[in-house]
């Protein structure tokens, strides 16, 4: 049995840096069958232990091998409401694939690629997911249509609950829509996943600013339970001199302009200004998304990260794609001041080299500045990709308990308010799509238990 996985096909780097089309093409039928045939069908599948939403991985792979693709989709859909999304953006290499027994002596099964294949086949062929249970008369409100909210809604709808999602923006999807670029997650895919939830009976109201148009207390009166999946959308900055300059942005703003508002298009009403050189400060997936997006706008795009390449928190695959696309990595470097001209436009940064120290309890190595290394780099845009914190506009008038970090305090998924639950980034701080989905599933289960 082959110890090497079937590698997916990619757009050539020299071509994809000029477009926003999806980088990875996904498996065709032959490739999917060949990869699925590598699965050992373990009696005690370790891979499932690594899946935050507990997909029956061996079962859906077995269905692929037997060419029962609709059955494979239904198996996945029993546990996941967003398989086409997860197959593209989940860090499987740190989760299910990290636990795969095949990985001990070769390549782990490419579970994410197989999940994407099944989900894409479902979209192409109109496969049905699991049939929802009969309506039980219970009503649940979901605030936020990101991965936590969509997952909670999907699980509740499958169980017969009447679910309504309230979304402040004009499109559903949360970070899936405004945060992740088209070349990693096409918005048509997100819309298809949202449409599949609507088929289950989920109602989605967009352009509804909860906290203003309607409040949490209002929802408590009208619904049997409320789930808060409001995410973490407020960007963080460094607090260094010059951050108030023109052409200093958060990665959130750059990505929202590009993804939600089409800022990369020639006829955009909210275009991203074309510049010569931009530095994206940070090393996570959001930083990679921002810098690769700018590259596609013809910018000389750099990543500035204060640790080494080995410490980059972004997915290895995304870093490899960025390197192939010509992104410049200025590692072990950190800005201390943004330089401006008389009109407050960015002209460069003063930066220092960083020195790596010993690893701390979290496994990450400490860093200290080499103050004697101060030097200047020239640029005309700086993008901060340093993480995010929750925006609690929706929580106004609710008196919900928050932690010292501004996160919603929960017991399990239950908040301090009667019949109100929460999960995802608003509770944990910024994390991955799949962990937000796990939180949505957990909350749905608790809501069902409380309303039984």
Protein backbone atom coordinates (compact mmCIF):
# COMPACT_ATOMS: atom_id res chain seq x y z
CA UNK A 1 0.00 0.00 0.00
CA UNK A 2 1.37 3.40 -1.05
CA UNK A 3 2.98 5.38 1.79
CA UNK A 4 2.83 8.66 -0.14
CA UNK A 5 -0.35 10.67 -0.41
CA UNK A 6 -1.80 11.82 -3.71
CA UNK A 7 -0.72 15.42 -4.05
CA UNK A 8 -3.33 17.91 -5.14
CA UNK A 9 -2.94 20.00 -8.27
CA UNK A 10 -2.29 23.74 -7.96
CA UNK A 11 -2.44 26.82 -10.10
CA UNK A 12 1.08 27.72 -11.13
CA UNK A 13 2.48 30.40 -8.83
CA UNK A 14 3.42 32.72 -11.70
CA UNK A 15 -0.19 32.63 -12.88
CA UNK A 16 -2.11 32.74 -9.61
CA UNK A 17 -0.40 35.89 -8.32
CA UNK A 18 -2.36 37.74 -11.00
CA UNK A 19 -5.81 36.45 -10.04
CA UNK A 20 -8.02 35.64 -7.03
CA UNK A 21 -9.09 32.23 -8.30
CA UNK A 22 -8.71 29.21 -6.03
CA UNK A 23 -5.10 28.03 -5.72
CA UNK A 24 -5.89 24.34 -5.20
CA UNK A 25 -7.98 22.49 -7.77
CA UNK A 26 -9.04 19.63 -5.50
CA UNK A 27 -9.03 15.91 -6.28
CA UNK A 28 -10.63 14.51 -9.41
CA UNK A 29 -12.41 11.13 -9.28
CA UNK A 30 -9.27 9.11 -9.99
CA UNK A 31 -7.15 10.96 -7.45
CA UNK A 32 -9.81 10.70 -4.74
CA UNK A 33 -10.25 6.95 -5.26
CA UNK A 34 -6.50 6.40 -5.20
CA UNK A 35 -6.10 8.38 -1.96
CA UNK A 36 -9.12 6.78 -0.31
CA UNK A 37 -7.68 3.35 -1.14
CA UNK A 38 -4.70 4.09 1.11
CA UNK A 39 -6.92 4.16 4.22
CA UNK A 40 -6.35 1.17 6.51
CA UNK A 41 -9.90 1.28 7.92
CA UNK A 42 -8.58 0.99 11.47
CA UNK A 43 -10.74 -0.82 14.02
CA UNK A 44 -9.94 1.92 16.54
CA UNK A 45 -9.57 4.99 14.29
CA UNK A 46 -7.21 7.48 15.88
CA UNK A 47 -8.12 10.06 13.24
CA UNK A 48 -11.59 10.55 14.73
CA UNK A 49 -10.03 11.46 18.07
CA UNK A 50 -8.29 14.35 16.33
CA UNK A 51 -11.47 15.70 14.71
CA UNK A 52 -13.08 18.49 16.78
CA UNK A 53 -16.53 17.73 15.30
CA UNK A 54 -16.15 13.91 15.43
CA UNK A 55 -16.72 13.05 11.77
CA UNK A 56 -16.83 9.28 11.15
CA UNK A 57 -13.74 9.54 8.97
CA UNK A 58 -13.14 5.85 8.10
CA UNK A 59 -16.80 5.45 7.19
CA UNK A 60 -16.91 8.30 4.69
CA UNK A 61 -13.59 7.23 3.16
CA UNK A 62 -14.93 3.68 2.78
CA UNK A 63 -17.97 5.10 0.98
CA UNK A 64 -15.64 6.92 -1.43
CA UNK A 65 -13.80 3.66 -2.16
CA UNK A 66 -17.15 2.02 -2.95
CA UNK A 67 -18.21 4.98 -5.14
CA UNK A 68 -21.10 5.79 -2.82
CA UNK A 69 -20.49 9.53 -2.81
CA UNK A 70 -23.92 10.64 -1.63
CA UNK A 71 -23.59 8.24 1.31
CA UNK A 72 -20.14 9.69 2.03
CA UNK A 73 -21.66 13.18 2.07
CA UNK A 74 -24.44 12.13 4.41
CA UNK A 75 -21.92 10.55 6.79
CA UNK A 76 -19.95 13.80 6.92
CA UNK A 77 -23.12 15.90 7.20
CA UNK A 78 -24.21 14.05 10.33
CA UNK A 79 -21.32 15.77 12.14
CA UNK A 80 -20.42 18.82 10.05
CA UNK A 81 -22.61 21.57 8.61
CA UNK A 82 -19.72 23.07 6.60
CA UNK A 83 -17.80 20.23 4.88
CA UNK A 84 -16.80 22.21 1.78
CA UNK A 85 -15.37 24.91 4.05
CA UNK A 86 -13.60 22.51 6.42
CA UNK A 87 -12.07 20.57 3.55
CA UNK A 88 -10.38 23.78 2.46
CA UNK A 89 -9.39 25.72 5.56
CA UNK A 90 -9.18 23.36 8.55
CA UNK A 91 -5.67 22.58 9.84
CA UNK A 92 -6.08 18.82 9.38
CA UNK A 93 -2.32 18.37 9.62
CA UNK A 94 -2.59 19.32 13.31
CA UNK A 95 -5.82 17.40 13.97
CA UNK A 96 -7.22 14.30 12.26
CA UNK A 97 -4.27 13.76 9.93
CA UNK A 98 -1.83 14.19 12.81
CA UNK A 99 -3.43 11.14 14.45
CA UNK A 100 -3.53 8.96 11.30
CA UNK A 101 -1.61 5.69 11.74
CA UNK A 102 -0.32 5.95 8.17
CA UNK A 103 1.62 9.01 9.19
CA UNK A 104 3.94 6.95 11.37
CA UNK A 105 5.77 5.46 8.38
CA UNK A 106 4.80 7.76 5.55
CA UNK A 107 2.19 10.34 4.65
CA UNK A 108 -1.05 10.51 6.59
CA UNK A 109 -4.23 10.06 4.61
CA UNK A 110 -5.19 13.41 3.06
CA UNK A 111 -8.47 13.53 4.97
CA UNK A 112 -9.09 17.21 4.29
CA UNK A 113 -8.72 16.79 0.54
CA UNK A 114 -11.12 13.83 0.58
CA UNK A 115 -13.66 15.79 2.61
CA UNK A 116 -13.44 18.64 0.12
CA UNK A 117 -13.86 16.19 -2.76
CA UNK A 118 -17.05 14.74 -1.27
CA UNK A 119 -18.48 18.17 -0.44
CA UNK A 120 -17.73 19.51 -3.91
CA UNK A 121 -19.35 16.45 -5.49
CA UNK A 122 -22.40 17.09 -3.32
CA UNK A 123 -22.61 20.66 -4.63
CA UNK A 124 -22.15 19.56 -8.26
CA UNK A 125 -24.68 16.73 -8.05
CA UNK A 126 -27.20 18.20 -5.61
CA UNK A 127 -26.79 15.51 -2.96
CA UNK A 128 -29.08 15.67 0.03
CA UNK A 129 -27.63 15.85 3.53
CA UNK A 130 -29.38 14.28 6.52
CA UNK A 131 -33.13 14.83 6.75
CA UNK A 132 -34.17 17.09 9.64
CA UNK A 133 -36.38 15.78 12.39
CA UNK A 134 -40.01 17.00 12.57
CA UNK A 135 -40.43 20.48 14.06
CA UNK A 136 -40.66 20.38 17.85
CA UNK A 137 -42.09 23.85 18.42
CA UNK A 138 -38.94 25.26 20.08
CA UNK A 139 -37.37 28.47 18.76
CA UNK A 140 -33.69 29.44 18.98
CA UNK A 141 -32.02 32.72 17.97
CA UNK A 142 -28.42 32.75 16.76
CA UNK A 143 -26.47 36.01 16.84
CA UNK A 144 -23.71 35.93 14.23
CA UNK A 145 -23.42 33.82 11.09
CA UNK A 146 -19.79 32.79 11.37
CA UNK A 147 -18.68 29.17 11.71
CA UNK A 148 -19.87 28.86 15.33
CA UNK A 149 -23.30 30.29 14.58
CA UNK A 150 -23.79 28.34 11.35
CA UNK A 151 -22.78 25.07 13.04
CA UNK A 152 -25.04 25.63 16.04
CA UNK A 153 -27.89 26.49 13.69
CA UNK A 154 -27.32 23.42 11.53
CA UNK A 155 -27.28 20.99 14.44
CA UNK A 156 -30.42 22.51 15.96
CA UNK A 157 -32.28 22.54 12.64
CA UNK A 158 -31.45 18.88 12.04
CA UNK A 159 -32.98 18.12 15.44
CA UNK A 160 -36.26 19.89 14.61
CA UNK A 161 -35.73 23.33 16.15
CA UNK A 162 -36.95 26.54 14.49
CA UNK A 163 -33.74 28.54 14.11
CA UNK A 164 -33.21 32.18 13.09
CA UNK A 165 -29.76 33.68 12.54
CA UNK A 166 -29.25 37.44 12.94
CA UNK A 167 -26.26 38.84 11.01
CA UNK A 168 -25.10 42.47 11.16
CA UNK A 169 -23.49 42.45 7.67
CA UNK A 170 -25.28 42.15 4.35
CA UNK A 171 -23.94 38.66 3.66
CA UNK A 172 -23.92 35.60 5.89
CA UNK A 173 -20.75 33.68 6.70
CA UNK A 174 -18.86 35.88 9.13
CA UNK A 175 -15.12 35.41 8.83
CA UNK A 176 -15.71 32.85 6.06
CA UNK A 177 -17.09 35.67 3.92
CA UNK A 178 -15.12 38.76 4.96
CA UNK A 179 -11.89 37.25 6.28
CA UNK A 180 -10.66 34.36 4.15
CA UNK A 181 -9.62 35.29 0.58
CA UNK A 182 -11.31 33.97 -2.53
CA UNK A 183 -8.16 32.08 -3.56
CA UNK A 184 -8.42 29.95 -0.39
CA UNK A 185 -12.18 29.82 0.06
CA UNK A 186 -14.40 30.90 -2.85
CA UNK A 187 -17.45 32.85 -1.72
CA UNK A 188 -19.65 30.69 -3.96
CA UNK A 189 -18.68 27.75 -1.74
CA UNK A 190 -19.62 29.66 1.42
CA UNK A 191 -22.95 30.60 -0.14
CA UNK A 192 -23.63 26.97 -1.08
CA UNK A 193 -23.02 25.92 2.53
CA UNK A 194 -25.34 28.69 3.74
CA UNK A 195 -27.97 27.59 1.20
CA UNK A 196 -27.77 24.01 2.49
CA UNK A 197 -28.64 25.30 5.97
CA UNK A 198 -31.59 27.21 4.55
CA UNK A 199 -32.81 23.94 3.03
CA UNK A 200 -32.81 22.52 6.55
CA UNK A 201 -35.16 25.34 7.53
CA UNK A 202 -32.71 27.83 9.03
CA UNK A 203 -33.88 31.45 8.66
CA UNK A 204 -31.19 34.10 8.11
CA UNK A 205 -31.80 37.81 8.63
CA UNK A 206 -28.94 40.02 7.42
CA UNK A 207 -28.37 43.74 8.09
CA UNK A 208 -29.62 43.31 11.66
CA UNK A 209 -27.32 44.99 14.23
CA UNK A 210 -28.17 43.12 17.42
CA UNK A 211 -27.63 45.49 20.33
CA UNK A 212 -29.25 48.31 18.39
CA UNK A 213 -32.08 47.17 16.10
CA UNK A 214 -32.88 44.39 18.56
CA UNK A 215 -31.31 43.53 21.91
CA UNK A 216 -30.39 40.34 23.73
CA UNK A 217 -33.24 40.89 26.25
CA UNK A 218 -35.63 41.22 23.29
CA UNK A 219 -34.43 37.89 21.92
CA UNK A 220 -34.75 36.24 25.34
CA UNK A 221 -38.41 37.21 25.42
CA UNK A 222 -39.14 35.95 21.91
CA UNK A 223 -37.05 32.76 21.75
CA UNK A 224 -36.61 29.71 23.95
CA UNK A 225 -32.81 30.04 23.77
CA UNK A 226 -30.19 32.38 22.31
CA UNK A 227 -26.70 31.50 21.05
CA UNK A 228 -24.03 34.20 20.75
CA UNK A 229 -21.48 33.51 18.03
CA UNK A 230 -20.34 37.10 17.60
CA UNK A 231 -16.69 36.27 17.00
CA UNK A 232 -13.66 38.46 17.55
CA UNK A 233 -13.58 41.19 14.96
CA UNK A 234 -11.74 44.07 16.64
CA UNK A 235 -8.14 44.33 15.41
CA UNK A 236 -5.14 44.77 17.68
CA UNK A 237 -2.34 47.26 17.11
CA UNK A 238 1.16 47.60 18.53
CA UNK A 239 0.83 51.05 20.05
CA UNK A 240 3.98 52.33 18.38
CA UNK A 241 4.50 55.89 17.07
CA UNK A 242 3.04 56.52 13.63
CA UNK A 243 0.21 53.97 13.73
CA UNK A 244 -2.31 56.76 13.04
CA UNK A 245 -0.71 57.45 9.65
CA UNK A 246 -2.47 57.17 6.31
CA UNK A 247 -2.01 53.72 4.76
CA UNK A 248 -1.70 51.94 8.11
CA UNK A 249 -4.42 49.31 8.21
CA UNK A 250 -5.50 46.28 10.15
CA UNK A 251 -5.53 43.02 8.22
CA UNK A 252 -9.27 42.90 8.98
CA UNK A 253 -9.92 46.07 6.98
CA UNK A 254 -7.78 45.00 4.02
CA UNK A 255 -9.42 41.56 3.88
CA UNK A 256 -12.94 42.91 4.36
CA UNK A 257 -12.46 45.44 1.58
CA UNK A 258 -11.17 42.73 -0.74
CA UNK A 259 -13.42 39.81 0.19
CA UNK A 260 -16.74 41.38 1.14
CA UNK A 261 -16.58 44.59 -0.87
CA UNK A 262 -14.61 43.53 -3.96
CA UNK A 263 -11.84 46.03 -3.35
CA UNK A 264 -9.54 44.23 -5.79
CA UNK A 265 -11.85 44.90 -8.75
CA UNK A 266 -11.29 47.80 -11.12
CA UNK A 267 -14.83 49.15 -10.64
CA UNK A 268 -14.87 48.82 -6.84
CA UNK A 269 -16.38 51.69 -4.84
CA UNK A 270 -14.05 50.84 -1.94
CA UNK A 271 -10.78 49.96 -3.67
CA UNK A 272 -7.57 49.08 -1.91
CA UNK A 273 -5.12 51.78 -2.92
CA UNK A 274 -2.35 50.50 -5.15
CA UNK A 275 1.03 50.98 -3.48
CA UNK A 276 4.58 49.97 -4.30
CA UNK A 277 5.72 48.19 -1.11
CA UNK A 278 3.70 46.89 1.83
CA UNK A 279 4.71 45.18 5.06
CA UNK A 280 2.27 42.88 6.84
CA UNK A 281 3.29 42.58 10.49
CA UNK A 282 2.44 39.17 11.95
CA UNK A 283 2.85 35.49 11.16
CA UNK A 284 -0.55 33.79 11.45
CA UNK A 285 -3.01 32.67 8.81
CA UNK A 286 -4.59 36.15 8.68
CA UNK A 287 -1.18 37.67 7.94
CA UNK A 288 -0.67 35.16 5.12
CA UNK A 289 -4.11 35.92 3.72
CA UNK A 290 -3.44 39.67 3.76
CA UNK A 291 0.04 39.54 2.26
CA UNK A 292 -0.96 37.11 -0.48
CA UNK A 293 -3.96 39.28 -1.32
CA UNK A 294 -1.73 42.35 -1.65
CA UNK A 295 0.64 40.41 -3.88
CA UNK A 296 -2.27 39.81 -6.24
CA UNK A 297 -2.77 43.57 -6.43
CA UNK A 298 0.75 43.96 -7.81
CA UNK A 299 2.34 45.05 -4.53
CA UNK A 300 5.87 44.17 -3.44
CA UNK A 301 4.54 42.35 -0.39
CA UNK A 302 6.55 41.48 2.74
CA UNK A 303 5.82 39.56 5.92
CA UNK A 304 7.56 41.00 8.98
CA UNK A 305 7.65 38.52 11.86
CA UNK A 306 9.55 38.82 15.11
CA UNK A 307 10.37 35.12 15.44
CA UNK A 308 11.89 32.62 13.00
CA UNK A 309 10.20 30.67 10.22
CA UNK A 310 10.04 27.65 12.54
CA UNK A 311 7.81 29.61 14.94
CA UNK A 312 5.36 30.89 12.31
CA UNK A 313 1.86 30.04 13.57
CA UNK A 314 0.36 29.98 10.07
CA UNK A 315 -0.41 26.66 8.38
CA UNK A 316 2.67 25.16 6.76
CA UNK A 317 0.82 24.81 3.47
CA UNK A 318 -0.10 28.51 3.41
CA UNK A 319 3.49 29.51 4.15
CA UNK A 320 4.73 27.27 1.33
CA UNK A 321 2.22 28.82 -1.06
CA UNK A 322 3.32 32.30 0.01
CA UNK A 323 6.99 31.46 -0.59
CA UNK A 324 6.16 30.08 -4.03
CA UNK A 325 4.28 33.29 -4.82
CA UNK A 326 7.31 35.44 -4.08
CA UNK A 327 6.31 36.85 -0.71
CA UNK A 328 9.38 38.26 1.06
CA UNK A 329 9.80 37.09 4.67
CA UNK A 330 11.58 39.56 6.95
CA UNK A 331 11.94 37.30 9.97
CA UNK A 332 13.41 38.04 13.41
CA UNK A 333 12.47 41.67 12.79
CA UNK A 334 9.99 43.97 14.52
CA UNK A 335 8.84 47.55 13.89
CA UNK A 336 9.30 50.18 16.60
CA UNK A 337 8.13 53.25 14.68
CA UNK A 338 6.20 54.03 11.50
CA UNK A 339 7.74 56.89 9.55
CA UNK A 340 5.63 59.48 7.71
CA UNK A 341 5.98 62.50 5.46
CA UNK A 342 4.53 65.96 6.07
CA UNK A 343 1.08 64.78 4.91
CA UNK A 344 1.11 61.85 7.35
CA UNK A 345 1.62 59.27 4.60
CA UNK A 346 3.69 56.18 5.35
CA UNK A 347 7.21 56.32 3.94
CA UNK A 348 8.89 53.57 5.96
CA UNK A 349 9.48 51.99 9.35
CA UNK A 350 12.23 51.92 11.91
CA UNK A 351 12.74 48.28 12.85
CA UNK A 352 15.00 46.21 15.08
CA UNK A 353 16.38 42.70 14.87
CA UNK A 354 15.10 40.20 17.41
CA UNK A 355 16.99 37.55 19.38
CA UNK A 356 15.36 34.20 20.12
CA UNK A 357 15.47 32.90 23.67
CA UNK A 358 14.32 29.73 25.40
CA UNK A 359 10.89 28.18 24.93
CA UNK A 360 8.25 29.05 27.52
CA UNK A 361 5.49 26.92 28.99
CA UNK A 362 3.45 27.33 25.80
CA UNK A 363 6.34 25.96 23.73
CA UNK A 364 7.04 29.28 21.99
CA UNK A 365 10.50 30.78 22.25
CA UNK A 366 10.85 34.18 23.87
CA UNK A 367 12.23 37.12 21.93
CA UNK A 368 14.18 40.22 22.93
CA UNK A 369 15.16 43.28 20.94
CA UNK A 370 18.69 43.93 19.77
CA UNK A 371 18.45 47.68 20.31
CA UNK A 372 21.77 48.29 18.54
CA UNK A 373 20.30 46.89 15.31
CA UNK A 374 17.88 49.78 14.66
CA UNK A 375 17.51 50.41 10.93
CA UNK A 376 15.00 51.69 8.41
CA UNK A 377 12.97 49.91 5.75
CA UNK A 378 11.10 51.84 3.06
CA UNK A 379 7.43 51.18 2.32
CA UNK A 380 4.17 53.00 1.64
CA UNK A 381 1.73 50.68 3.43
CA UNK A 382 1.77 48.86 6.78
CA UNK A 383 -0.80 46.20 7.68
CA UNK A 384 -1.11 44.95 11.25
CA UNK A 385 -2.07 41.27 11.56
CA UNK A 386 -1.58 40.84 15.30
CA UNK A 387 -4.77 39.10 16.28
CA UNK A 388 -8.22 40.31 17.22
CA UNK A 389 -10.47 40.76 20.24
CA UNK A 390 -14.28 40.51 20.59
CA UNK A 391 -16.59 43.32 19.55
CA UNK A 392 -19.38 43.40 22.12
CA UNK A 393 -21.74 45.83 20.38
CA UNK A 394 -24.37 43.06 20.34
CA UNK A 395 -24.17 42.71 24.12
CA UNK A 396 -25.30 46.25 24.96
CA UNK A 397 -28.04 46.37 27.63
CA UNK A 398 -27.56 42.67 28.41
CA UNK A 399 -25.30 42.89 31.51
CA UNK A 400 -23.65 39.63 30.46
CA UNK A 401 -20.58 38.61 32.49
CA UNK A 402 -17.23 39.20 30.80
CA UNK A 403 -13.74 38.13 31.82
CA UNK A 404 -10.81 40.48 32.46
CA UNK A 405 -9.82 39.88 28.82
CA UNK A 406 -13.24 40.98 27.61
CA UNK A 407 -14.35 37.46 26.71
CA UNK A 408 -17.82 36.10 27.42
CA UNK A 409 -17.75 33.96 30.57
CA UNK A 410 -19.42 30.56 30.15
CA UNK A 411 -20.08 27.44 32.19
CA UNK A 412 -19.88 24.83 29.45
CA UNK A 413 -21.61 27.01 26.85
CA UNK A 414 -24.07 28.70 29.23
CA UNK A 415 -23.54 32.40 29.93
CA UNK A 416 -24.54 34.32 33.05
CA UNK A 417 -27.89 35.15 31.40
CA UNK A 418 -30.95 32.92 31.46
CA UNK A 419 -31.32 30.82 28.29
CA UNK A 420 -28.31 32.49 26.64
CA UNK A 421 -25.35 30.46 25.40
CA UNK A 422 -22.12 31.44 23.65
CA UNK A 423 -19.18 29.91 21.85
CA UNK A 424 -16.35 30.50 19.41
CA UNK A 425 -13.97 33.45 19.34
CA UNK A 426 -16.21 35.61 21.57
CA UNK A 427 -15.51 33.10 24.35
CA UNK A 428 -11.99 31.86 23.59
CA UNK A 429 -10.42 34.72 21.69
CA UNK A 430 -9.37 34.37 18.06
CA UNK A 431 -8.97 30.71 17.04
CA UNK A 432 -9.57 28.47 14.02
CA UNK A 433 -12.74 27.87 12.03
CA UNK A 434 -12.99 24.25 13.17
CA UNK A 435 -12.66 25.15 16.87
CA UNK A 436 -15.48 27.66 16.45
CA UNK A 437 -17.53 24.91 14.83
CA UNK A 438 -16.76 22.60 17.74
CA UNK A 439 -18.04 25.28 20.11
CA UNK A 440 -21.21 25.66 18.05
CA UNK A 441 -21.86 21.92 18.22
CA UNK A 442 -21.27 21.86 21.95
CA UNK A 443 -23.69 24.73 22.51
CA UNK A 444 -26.35 23.13 20.32
CA UNK A 445 -26.15 19.97 22.39
CA UNK A 446 -26.48 21.93 25.63
CA UNK A 447 -29.42 23.92 24.28
CA UNK A 448 -31.18 20.72 23.23
CA UNK A 449 -30.61 19.20 26.67
CA UNK A 450 -31.96 22.31 28.41
CA UNK A 451 -35.08 22.47 26.23
CA UNK A 452 -35.84 18.73 26.25
